[in-house]
Amino acid sequence: MMAPRTVWKGYLSLARINCAVRVQPAVARMDRLGLQPLNRTTLNRVQLRPYDPQTGREIGRDALLKGYEFEPGRFVVVEERDLAELQVESMRNIVLDRFLDPSAIDTAYLDTPYYLLPEAPASAGSYALIHAAMVRAKRCAIGHIVLGGREYAALVQPRGRGLILTTLRAAAELRSGDTAFAGLAGQEVDGELVEKTAQIIGRLSGAFDPRRDFRERFQEALFQLAQAKIRGEKPVFPQPAPAVRTVALGEAVASSLHQVEPPDRTAKPRYTTALRQ
């Protein structure tokens, strides 16, 4: 398997303790069945390329530039050499200057995880020291990093024998829950129904296991559809879910207590993307 690419190199700094590090993606792209755009007449795959909307002509990748629109329809060009001259600390240095309890992090702000690794054997000692100290203190840290032309606040925390860095969404990116939930205030809930529903939750509770719990039912159905078409057979489509029946809340809770069973977590995906044998 090809090693993950390095997307950032620089230093991890805790006070005057510095460690040369590299950042690698912690998320791998899963193989999925992708539906490609085709010409209905020839069934040839259609290549989507950039074009100039005024001339209607296709534009080669080497003719593209980046620009900032400072007024509608007016741009100032920013060259790659201009970007290379920009220098902010987080382009080369992740400074850990604030530590906090992991439980204080609102998970809604978590974005993309990366593995933070020592860049060279000479960095192993300082890396291990920072890791061990964070484990001892039971703390995670906030720093900043520039990735893909954008600066992110980043959460750094121990994970196993190493450190994981997770970019954080900006506060302005997360819509206010107070606004979204404004109409939910004042709803009275029956205490007995709460207790019974909590019992249902208890019966369905268990440990989180992403390998076991993650299942792409749509991909499974899409794979079966594709396989049937490859064999020239008529596809057999899954039965639609039964219509939801609205009943009184008390009746729904009572029937759930009698019928609910822990979910089947042993099911395995039945598809593979190796369609072309």
C-alpha atoms as a PDB file:
ATOM      1  CA  MET A   1       0.000   0.000   0.000  1.00  0.00           C
ATOM      2  CA  MET A   2       1.305   3.452  -0.933  1.00  0.00           C
ATOM      3  CA  ALA A   3       2.373   5.539   2.059  1.00  0.00           C
ATOM      4  CA  PRO A   4       0.171   8.590   2.763  1.00  0.00           C
ATOM      5  CA  ARG A   5       1.525  11.791   1.268  1.00  0.00           C
ATOM      6  CA  THR A   6       2.945  14.506   3.487  1.00  0.00           C
ATOM      7  CA  VAL A   7       0.822  17.661   3.247  1.00  0.00           C
ATOM      8  CA  TRP A   8       2.791  19.907   5.601  1.00  0.00           C
ATOM      9  CA  LYS A   9       6.266  20.121   7.137  1.00  0.00           C
ATOM     10  CA  GLY A  10       7.448  22.405   9.873  1.00  0.00           C
ATOM     11  CA  TYR A  11       7.848  22.554  13.639  1.00  0.00           C
ATOM     12  CA  LEU A  12       5.687  21.742  16.637  1.00  0.00           C
ATOM     13  CA  SER A  13       6.477  24.150  19.462  1.00  0.00           C
ATOM     14  CA  LEU A  14       5.632  23.944  23.164  1.00  0.00           C
ATOM     15  CA  ALA A  15       7.219  26.936  24.891  1.00  0.00           C
ATOM     16  CA  ARG A  16      10.909  26.518  23.918  1.00  0.00           C
ATOM     17  CA  ILE A  17      10.584  22.820  23.082  1.00  0.00           C
ATOM     18  CA  ASN A  18      10.689  22.471  19.306  1.00  0.00           C
ATOM     19  CA  CYS A  19      10.157  19.361  17.219  1.00  0.00           C
ATOM     20  CA  ALA A  20      10.407  18.987  13.442  1.00  0.00           C
ATOM     21  CA  VAL A  21       7.195  17.327  12.286  1.00  0.00           C
ATOM     22  CA  ARG A  22       5.252  16.373   9.187  1.00  0.00           C
ATOM     23  CA  VAL A  23       1.495  16.127   8.694  1.00  0.00           C
ATOM     24  CA  GLN A  24      -0.187  13.254   6.854  1.00  0.00           C
ATOM     25  CA  PRO A  25      -3.907  12.706   6.150  1.00  0.00           C
ATOM     26  CA  ALA A  26      -5.556  10.405   8.677  1.00  0.00           C
ATOM     27  CA  VAL A  27      -8.521   9.798   6.372  1.00  0.00           C
ATOM     28  CA  ALA A  28      -8.248   7.463   3.388  1.00  0.00           C
ATOM     29  CA  ARG A  29     -10.562   7.724   0.423  1.00  0.00           C
ATOM     30  CA  MET A  30     -12.843   4.700   0.360  1.00  0.00           C
ATOM     31  CA  ASP A  31     -13.367   2.808  -2.861  1.00  0.00           C
ATOM     32  CA  ARG A  32     -16.892   3.574  -3.946  1.00  0.00           C
ATOM     33  CA  LEU A  33     -18.960   2.874  -7.001  1.00  0.00           C
ATOM     34  CA  GLY A  34     -18.919   6.134  -8.900  1.00  0.00           C
ATOM     35  CA  LEU A  35     -21.439   6.959 -11.611  1.00  0.00           C
ATOM     36  CA  GLN A  36     -19.704   8.734 -14.497  1.00  0.00           C
ATOM     37  CA  PRO A  37     -21.294  11.219 -16.953  1.00  0.00           C
ATOM     38  CA  LEU A  38     -21.834   9.536 -20.352  1.00  0.00           C
ATOM     39  CA  ASN A  39     -22.967  10.626 -23.790  1.00  0.00           C
ATOM     40  CA  ARG A  40     -26.427   9.065 -24.152  1.00  0.00           C
ATOM     41  CA  THR A  41     -25.829   8.370 -27.860  1.00  0.00           C
ATOM     42  CA  THR A  42     -22.290   6.929 -27.821  1.00  0.00           C
ATOM     43  CA  LEU A  43     -21.975   5.919 -24.137  1.00  0.00           C
ATOM     44  CA  ASN A  44     -18.564   7.574 -24.164  1.00  0.00           C
ATOM     45  CA  ARG A  45     -17.456   9.166 -20.930  1.00  0.00           C
ATOM     46  CA  VAL A  46     -17.752  12.953 -21.011  1.00  0.00           C
ATOM     47  CA  GLN A  47     -14.713  14.943 -19.912  1.00  0.00           C
ATOM     48  CA  LEU A  48     -15.640  18.131 -18.076  1.00  0.00           C
ATOM     49  CA  ARG A  49     -13.070  20.865 -18.765  1.00  0.00           C
ATOM     50  CA  PRO A  50     -12.941  24.573 -17.834  1.00  0.00           C
ATOM     51  CA  TYR A  51     -14.103  27.074 -20.437  1.00  0.00           C
ATOM     52  CA  ASP A  52     -14.374  30.834 -20.770  1.00  0.00           C
ATOM     53  CA  PRO A  53     -18.085  31.779 -20.415  1.00  0.00           C
ATOM     54  CA  GLN A  54     -17.666  34.853 -22.664  1.00  0.00           C
ATOM     55  CA  THR A  55     -15.904  33.183 -25.593  1.00  0.00           C
ATOM     56  CA  GLY A  56     -17.290  29.689 -25.009  1.00  0.00           C
ATOM     57  CA  ARG A  57     -13.823  28.298 -25.695  1.00  0.00           C
ATOM     58  CA  GLU A  58     -12.183  25.560 -23.661  1.00  0.00           C
ATOM     59  CA  ILE A  59      -9.272  26.669 -21.459  1.00  0.00           C
ATOM     60  CA  GLY A  60      -6.163  24.573 -20.845  1.00  0.00           C
ATOM     61  CA  ARG A  61      -4.988  24.078 -17.281  1.00  0.00           C
ATOM     62  CA  ASP A  62      -1.758  25.954 -18.033  1.00  0.00           C
ATOM     63  CA  ALA A  63      -3.777  29.077 -18.940  1.00  0.00           C
ATOM     64  CA  LEU A  64      -5.514  29.322 -15.569  1.00  0.00           C
ATOM     65  CA  LEU A  65      -4.680  31.956 -12.968  1.00  0.00           C
ATOM     66  CA  LYS A  66      -6.001  32.753  -9.505  1.00  0.00           C
ATOM     67  CA  GLY A  67      -7.557  36.082  -8.700  1.00  0.00           C
ATOM     68  CA  TYR A  68      -9.365  38.009  -5.979  1.00  0.00           C
ATOM     69  CA  GLU A  69     -12.686  39.612  -6.952  1.00  0.00           C
ATOM     70  CA  PHE A  70     -12.564  43.011  -5.235  1.00  0.00           C
ATOM     71  CA  GLU A  71     -15.583  44.345  -7.143  1.00  0.00           C
ATOM     72  CA  PRO A  72     -18.243  42.494  -9.151  1.00  0.00           C
ATOM     73  CA  GLY A  73     -16.499  41.335 -12.330  1.00  0.00           C
ATOM     74  CA  ARG A  74     -13.139  42.937 -11.425  1.00  0.00           C
ATOM     75  CA  PHE A  75     -10.205  40.827 -10.268  1.00  0.00           C
ATOM     76  CA  VAL A  76      -6.670  41.338  -9.114  1.00  0.00           C
ATOM     77  CA  VAL A  77      -4.342  38.493 -10.162  1.00  0.00           C
ATOM     78  CA  VAL A  78      -2.447  36.634  -7.425  1.00  0.00           C
ATOM     79  CA  GLU A  79       0.467  34.637  -8.854  1.00  0.00           C
ATOM     80  CA  GLU A  80       1.958  31.508  -7.313  1.00  0.00           C
ATOM     81  CA  ARG A  81       5.145  33.459  -6.616  1.00  0.00           C
ATOM     82  CA  ASP A  82       3.071  35.955  -4.618  1.00  0.00           C
ATOM     83  CA  LEU A  83       1.681  33.146  -2.495  1.00  0.00           C
ATOM     84  CA  ALA A  84       5.190  31.777  -1.956  1.00  0.00           C
ATOM     85  CA  GLU A  85       6.262  35.143  -0.524  1.00  0.00           C
ATOM     86  CA  LEU A  86       3.488  35.204   2.066  1.00  0.00           C
ATOM     87  CA  GLN A  87       4.899  34.356   5.463  1.00  0.00           C
ATOM     88  CA  VAL A  88       2.804  33.756   8.574  1.00  0.00           C
ATOM     89  CA  GLU A  89       3.961  31.717  11.562  1.00  0.00           C
ATOM     90  CA  SER A  90       1.479  28.897  11.095  1.00  0.00           C
ATOM     91  CA  MET A  91       2.858  28.126   7.635  1.00  0.00           C
ATOM     92  CA  ARG A  92       5.941  26.619   9.273  1.00  0.00           C
ATOM     93  CA  ASN A  93       5.249  26.387  12.981  1.00  0.00           C
ATOM     94  CA  ILE A  94       2.397  24.891  15.041  1.00  0.00           C
ATOM     95  CA  VAL A  95       2.617  26.676  18.374  1.00  0.00           C
ATOM     96  CA  LEU A  96       0.849  24.918  21.256  1.00  0.00           C
ATOM     97  CA  ASP A  97       0.047  27.885  23.463  1.00  0.00           C
ATOM     98  CA  ARG A  98      -3.254  26.850  25.063  1.00  0.00           C
ATOM     99  CA  PHE A  99      -4.156  23.545  26.698  1.00  0.00           C
ATOM    100  CA  LEU A 100      -7.586  22.376  27.787  1.00  0.00           C
ATOM    101  CA  ASP A 101      -9.594  19.382  28.899  1.00  0.00           C
ATOM    102  CA  PRO A 102     -10.663  17.262  25.881  1.00  0.00           C
ATOM    103  CA  SER A 103     -14.243  17.250  27.194  1.00  0.00           C
ATOM    104  CA  ALA A 104     -14.337  21.023  26.671  1.00  0.00           C
ATOM    105  CA  ILE A 105     -14.188  20.639  22.873  1.00  0.00           C
ATOM    106  CA  ASP A 106     -17.540  20.963  21.128  1.00  0.00           C
ATOM    107  CA  THR A 107     -17.444  18.176  18.537  1.00  0.00           C
ATOM    108  CA  ALA A 108     -19.458  20.294  16.091  1.00  0.00           C
ATOM    109  CA  TYR A 109     -16.258  22.257  15.442  1.00  0.00           C
ATOM    110  CA  LEU A 110     -14.161  19.208  14.511  1.00  0.00           C
ATOM    111  CA  ASP A 111     -13.315  19.101  10.815  1.00  0.00           C
ATOM    112  CA  THR A 112     -10.536  16.947   9.286  1.00  0.00           C
ATOM    113  CA  PRO A 113      -8.032  14.711  11.150  1.00  0.00           C
ATOM    114  CA  TYR A 114      -4.333  14.387  10.288  1.00  0.00           C
ATOM    115  CA  TYR A 115      -1.493  12.396  11.814  1.00  0.00           C
ATOM    116  CA  LEU A 116       1.268  14.536  13.271  1.00  0.00           C
ATOM    117  CA  LEU A 117       4.594  12.685  13.039  1.00  0.00           C
ATOM    118  CA  PRO A 118       8.258  13.414  13.808  1.00  0.00           C
ATOM    119  CA  GLU A 119      10.039  14.428  10.622  1.00  0.00           C
ATOM    120  CA  ALA A 120      13.415  12.846  11.447  1.00  0.00           C
ATOM    121  CA  PRO A 121      15.017  10.550  14.058  1.00  0.00           C
ATOM    122  CA  ALA A 122      16.557  13.622  15.682  1.00  0.00           C
ATOM    123  CA  SER A 123      13.027  14.843  16.448  1.00  0.00           C
ATOM    124  CA  ALA A 124      11.897  11.636  18.151  1.00  0.00           C
ATOM    125  CA  GLY A 125      12.975  12.678  21.649  1.00  0.00           C
ATOM    126  CA  SER A 126      11.185  16.028  21.748  1.00  0.00           C
ATOM    127  CA  TYR A 127       8.131  14.504  20.048  1.00  0.00           C
ATOM    128  CA  ALA A 128       7.944  11.727  22.664  1.00  0.00           C
ATOM    129  CA  LEU A 129       8.362  14.296  25.460  1.00  0.00           C
ATOM    130  CA  ILE A 130       5.456  16.448  24.239  1.00  0.00           C
ATOM    131  CA  HIS A 131       3.292  13.337  23.766  1.00  0.00           C
ATOM    132  CA  ALA A 132       4.078  11.924  27.217  1.00  0.00           C
ATOM    133  CA  ALA A 133       3.513  15.281  28.932  1.00  0.00           C
ATOM    134  CA  MET A 134       0.112  15.732  27.294  1.00  0.00           C
ATOM    135  CA  VAL A 135      -0.888  12.202  28.317  1.00  0.00           C
ATOM    136  CA  ARG A 136       0.253  12.856  31.899  1.00  0.00           C
ATOM    137  CA  ALA A 137      -1.593  16.177  32.052  1.00  0.00           C
ATOM    138  CA  LYS A 138      -4.691  14.708  30.346  1.00  0.00           C
ATOM    139  CA  ARG A 139      -4.839  17.735  28.106  1.00  0.00           C
ATOM    140  CA  CYS A 140      -5.218  18.535  24.419  1.00  0.00           C
ATOM    141  CA  ALA A 141      -3.871  21.693  22.802  1.00  0.00           C
ATOM    142  CA  ILE A 142      -4.924  24.409  20.383  1.00  0.00           C
ATOM    143  CA  GLY A 143      -2.544  25.583  17.671  1.00  0.00           C
ATOM    144  CA  HIS A 144      -2.757  26.941  14.124  1.00  0.00           C
ATOM    145  CA  ILE A 145      -1.719  25.550  10.744  1.00  0.00           C
ATOM    146  CA  VAL A 146      -1.900  26.698   7.121  1.00  0.00           C
ATOM    147  CA  LEU A 147      -3.192  23.986   4.765  1.00  0.00           C
ATOM    148  CA  GLY A 148      -4.376  24.411   1.197  1.00  0.00           C
ATOM    149  CA  GLY A 149      -4.023  28.182   1.273  1.00  0.00           C
ATOM    150  CA  ARG A 150      -6.073  28.608   4.435  1.00  0.00           C
ATOM    151  CA  GLU A 151      -5.158  29.002   8.098  1.00  0.00           C
ATOM    152  CA  TYR A 152      -6.997  26.739  10.520  1.00  0.00           C
ATOM    153  CA  ALA A 153      -7.223  26.563  14.263  1.00  0.00           C
ATOM    154  CA  ALA A 154      -6.192  23.004  15.067  1.00  0.00           C
ATOM    155  CA  LEU A 155      -6.726  20.611  17.938  1.00  0.00           C
ATOM    156  CA  VAL A 156      -3.658  18.507  18.824  1.00  0.00           C
ATOM    157  CA  GLN A 157      -4.133  15.525  21.101  1.00  0.00           C
ATOM    158  CA  PRO A 158      -2.448  12.217  21.957  1.00  0.00           C
ATOM    159  CA  ARG A 159      -3.707   9.163  20.114  1.00  0.00           C
ATOM    160  CA  GLY A 160      -2.043   5.867  20.873  1.00  0.00           C
ATOM    161  CA  ARG A 161       1.729   6.346  20.638  1.00  0.00           C
ATOM    162  CA  GLY A 162       1.476   9.524  18.556  1.00  0.00           C
ATOM    163  CA  LEU A 163      -0.315  12.808  18.085  1.00  0.00           C
ATOM    164  CA  ILE A 164      -3.316  13.590  15.926  1.00  0.00           C
ATOM    165  CA  LEU A 165      -4.125  17.053  14.608  1.00  0.00           C
ATOM    166  CA  THR A 166      -7.720  17.940  13.732  1.00  0.00           C
ATOM    167  CA  THR A 167      -8.548  21.149  11.914  1.00  0.00           C
ATOM    168  CA  LEU A 168     -11.386  23.126  13.480  1.00  0.00           C
ATOM    169  CA  ARG A 169     -14.233  24.959  11.815  1.00  0.00           C
ATOM    170  CA  ALA A 170     -14.331  28.677  12.437  1.00  0.00           C
ATOM    171  CA  ALA A 171     -17.062  29.993  14.707  1.00  0.00           C
ATOM    172  CA  ALA A 172     -18.494  31.965  11.769  1.00  0.00           C
ATOM    173  CA  GLU A 173     -18.855  28.734   9.755  1.00  0.00           C
ATOM    174  CA  LEU A 174     -21.043  27.023  12.332  1.00  0.00           C
ATOM    175  CA  ARG A 175     -24.588  28.272  12.267  1.00  0.00           C
ATOM    176  CA  SER A 176     -26.034  29.198  15.628  1.00  0.00           C
ATOM    177  CA  GLY A 177     -27.873  26.387  17.367  1.00  0.00           C
ATOM    178  CA  ASP A 178     -29.826  28.979  19.334  1.00  0.00           C
ATOM    179  CA  THR A 179     -31.316  30.230  16.062  1.00  0.00           C
ATOM    180  CA  ALA A 180     -31.929  26.738  14.666  1.00  0.00           C
ATOM    181  CA  PHE A 181     -33.619  25.494  17.854  1.00  0.00           C
ATOM    182  CA  ALA A 182     -35.428  28.737  18.736  1.00  0.00           C
ATOM    183  CA  GLY A 183     -38.853  27.238  18.183  1.00  0.00           C
ATOM    184  CA  LEU A 184     -38.285  24.258  20.469  1.00  0.00           C
ATOM    185  CA  ALA A 185     -38.516  26.030  23.812  1.00  0.00           C
ATOM    186  CA  GLY A 186     -41.339  25.350  26.221  1.00  0.00           C
ATOM    187  CA  GLN A 187     -42.259  21.824  25.122  1.00  0.00           C
ATOM    188  CA  GLU A 188     -43.563  19.831  28.073  1.00  0.00           C
ATOM    189  CA  VAL A 189     -42.433  16.197  28.304  1.00  0.00           C
ATOM    190  CA  ASP A 190     -44.114  13.518  30.416  1.00  0.00           C
ATOM    191  CA  GLY A 191     -41.648  12.248  33.048  1.00  0.00           C
ATOM    192  CA  GLU A 192     -42.894   8.647  32.886  1.00  0.00           C
ATOM    193  CA  LEU A 193     -42.474   8.550  29.105  1.00  0.00           C
ATOM    194  CA  VAL A 194     -38.953   9.939  29.507  1.00  0.00           C
ATOM    195  CA  GLU A 195     -38.094   7.113  31.912  1.00  0.00           C
ATOM    196  CA  LYS A 196     -39.493   4.431  29.602  1.00  0.00           C
ATOM    197  CA  THR A 197     -37.753   5.905  26.544  1.00  0.00           C
ATOM    198  CA  ALA A 198     -34.497   5.955  28.513  1.00  0.00           C
ATOM    199  CA  GLN A 199     -35.001   2.208  29.081  1.00  0.00           C
ATOM    200  CA  ILE A 200     -35.292   1.716  25.320  1.00  0.00           C
ATOM    201  CA  ILE A 201     -32.072   3.657  24.840  1.00  0.00           C
ATOM    202  CA  GLY A 202     -30.412   1.452  27.455  1.00  0.00           C
ATOM    203  CA  ARG A 203     -31.375  -1.700  25.584  1.00  0.00           C
ATOM    204  CA  LEU A 204     -29.919  -0.310  22.362  1.00  0.00           C
ATOM    205  CA  SER A 205     -26.705   0.924  23.961  1.00  0.00           C
ATOM    206  CA  GLY A 206     -23.273  -0.545  23.263  1.00  0.00           C
ATOM    207  CA  ALA A 207     -19.666   0.302  22.533  1.00  0.00           C
ATOM    208  CA  PHE A 208     -18.773   2.340  19.467  1.00  0.00           C
ATOM    209  CA  ASP A 209     -16.974   0.277  16.827  1.00  0.00           C
ATOM    210  CA  PRO A 210     -16.585   2.119  13.504  1.00  0.00           C
ATOM    211  CA  ARG A 211     -15.500  -1.057  11.684  1.00  0.00           C
ATOM    212  CA  ARG A 212     -18.662  -2.812  12.803  1.00  0.00           C
ATOM    213  CA  ASP A 213     -21.137   0.046  12.757  1.00  0.00           C
ATOM    214  CA  PHE A 214     -20.305   1.608   9.393  1.00  0.00           C
ATOM    215  CA  ARG A 215     -22.277   0.114   6.547  1.00  0.00           C
ATOM    216  CA  GLU A 216     -23.149   1.748   3.226  1.00  0.00           C
ATOM    217  CA  ARG A 217     -26.483   0.273   2.303  1.00  0.00           C
ATOM    218  CA  PHE A 218     -26.857   2.528  -0.733  1.00  0.00           C
ATOM    219  CA  GLN A 219     -23.483   1.332  -2.075  1.00  0.00           C
ATOM    220  CA  GLU A 220     -24.519  -2.281  -1.508  1.00  0.00           C
ATOM    221  CA  ALA A 221     -27.752  -1.745  -3.442  1.00  0.00           C
ATOM    222  CA  LEU A 222     -25.917   0.141  -6.206  1.00  0.00           C
ATOM    223  CA  PHE A 223     -23.389  -2.693  -6.528  1.00  0.00           C
ATOM    224  CA  GLN A 224     -26.158  -5.291  -6.852  1.00  0.00           C
ATOM    225  CA  LEU A 225     -27.825  -3.120  -9.497  1.00  0.00           C
ATOM    226  CA  ALA A 226     -24.579  -2.794 -11.484  1.00  0.00           C
ATOM    227  CA  GLN A 227     -23.825  -6.514 -11.227  1.00  0.00           C
ATOM    228  CA  ALA A 228     -27.288  -7.422 -12.550  1.00  0.00           C
ATOM    229  CA  LYS A 229     -26.847  -5.079 -15.518  1.00  0.00           C
ATOM    230  CA  ILE A 230     -23.382  -6.504 -16.270  1.00  0.00           C
ATOM    231  CA  ARG A 231     -24.906  -9.995 -16.373  1.00  0.00           C
ATOM    232  CA  GLY A 232     -27.779  -8.770 -18.536  1.00  0.00           C
ATOM    233  CA  GLU A 233     -30.318  -9.583 -15.864  1.00  0.00           C
ATOM    234  CA  LYS A 234     -33.291  -7.588 -14.680  1.00  0.00           C
ATOM    235  CA  PRO A 235     -32.303  -5.784 -11.482  1.00  0.00           C
ATOM    236  CA  VAL A 236     -34.069  -6.815  -8.298  1.00  0.00           C
ATOM    237  CA  PHE A 237     -34.653  -3.683  -6.285  1.00  0.00           C
ATOM    238  CA  PRO A 238     -34.808  -3.740  -2.464  1.00  0.00           C
ATOM    239  CA  GLN A 239     -38.222  -3.542  -0.887  1.00  0.00           C
ATOM    240  CA  PRO A 240     -38.979   0.020   0.220  1.00  0.00           C
ATOM    241  CA  ALA A 241     -39.133   0.655   3.928  1.00  0.00           C
ATOM    242  CA  PRO A 242     -42.654   0.403   5.348  1.00  0.00           C
ATOM    243  CA  ALA A 243     -44.492   3.672   5.687  1.00  0.00           C
ATOM    244  CA  VAL A 244     -44.145   5.333   9.059  1.00  0.00           C
ATOM    245  CA  ARG A 245     -47.371   4.953  11.048  1.00  0.00           C
ATOM    246  CA  THR A 246     -48.226   7.810  13.358  1.00  0.00           C
ATOM    247  CA  VAL A 247     -49.576   6.663  16.725  1.00  0.00           C
ATOM    248  CA  ALA A 248     -50.065   8.259  20.110  1.00  0.00           C
ATOM    249  CA  LEU A 249     -46.784   8.890  21.900  1.00  0.00           C
ATOM    250  CA  GLY A 250     -47.660   6.701  24.875  1.00  0.00           C
ATOM    251  CA  GLU A 251     -48.597   3.797  22.595  1.00  0.00           C
ATOM    252  CA  ALA A 252     -45.385   4.190  20.626  1.00  0.00           C
ATOM    253  CA  VAL A 253     -43.255   4.037  23.778  1.00  0.00           C
ATOM    254  CA  ALA A 254     -45.114   1.047  25.212  1.00  0.00           C
ATOM    255  CA  SER A 255     -44.909  -0.988  21.988  1.00  0.00           C
ATOM    256  CA  SER A 256     -41.227  -0.086  21.612  1.00  0.00           C
ATOM    257  CA  LEU A 257     -40.447  -1.440  25.081  1.00  0.00           C
ATOM    258  CA  HIS A 258     -41.928  -4.799  24.077  1.00  0.00           C
ATOM    259  CA  GLN A 259     -40.488  -5.016  20.590  1.00  0.00           C
ATOM    260  CA  VAL A 260     -37.088  -3.334  20.584  1.00  0.00           C
ATOM    261  CA  GLU A 261     -34.051  -5.570  20.163  1.00  0.00           C
ATOM    262  CA  PRO A 262     -30.375  -4.641  20.027  1.00  0.00           C
ATOM    263  CA  PRO A 263     -29.438  -3.970  16.367  1.00  0.00           C
ATOM    264  CA  ASP A 264     -27.627  -6.614  14.333  1.00  0.00           C
ATOM    265  CA  ARG A 265     -24.067  -5.345  14.276  1.00  0.00           C
ATOM    266  CA  THR A 266     -22.560  -8.425  12.647  1.00  0.00           C
ATOM    267  CA  ALA A 267     -23.706  -7.648   9.094  1.00  0.00           C
ATOM    268  CA  LYS A 268     -20.855  -7.350   6.629  1.00  0.00           C
ATOM    269  CA  PRO A 269     -20.814  -5.263   3.429  1.00  0.00           C
ATOM    270  CA  ARG A 270     -21.707  -7.448   0.471  1.00  0.00           C
ATOM    271  CA  TYR A 271     -20.152  -5.394  -2.268  1.00  0.00           C
ATOM    272  CA  THR A 272     -16.759  -4.700  -3.743  1.00  0.00           C
ATOM    273  CA  THR A 273     -15.815  -2.126  -6.340  1.00  0.00           C
ATOM    274  CA  ALA A 274     -13.979  -4.714  -8.470  1.00  0.00           C
ATOM    275  CA  LEU A 275     -16.663  -4.742 -11.160  1.00  0.00           C
ATOM    276  CA  ARG A 276     -14.291  -5.317 -14.046  1.00  0.00           C
ATOM    277  CA  GLN A 277     -12.863  -8.828 -13.762  1.00  0.00           C
END
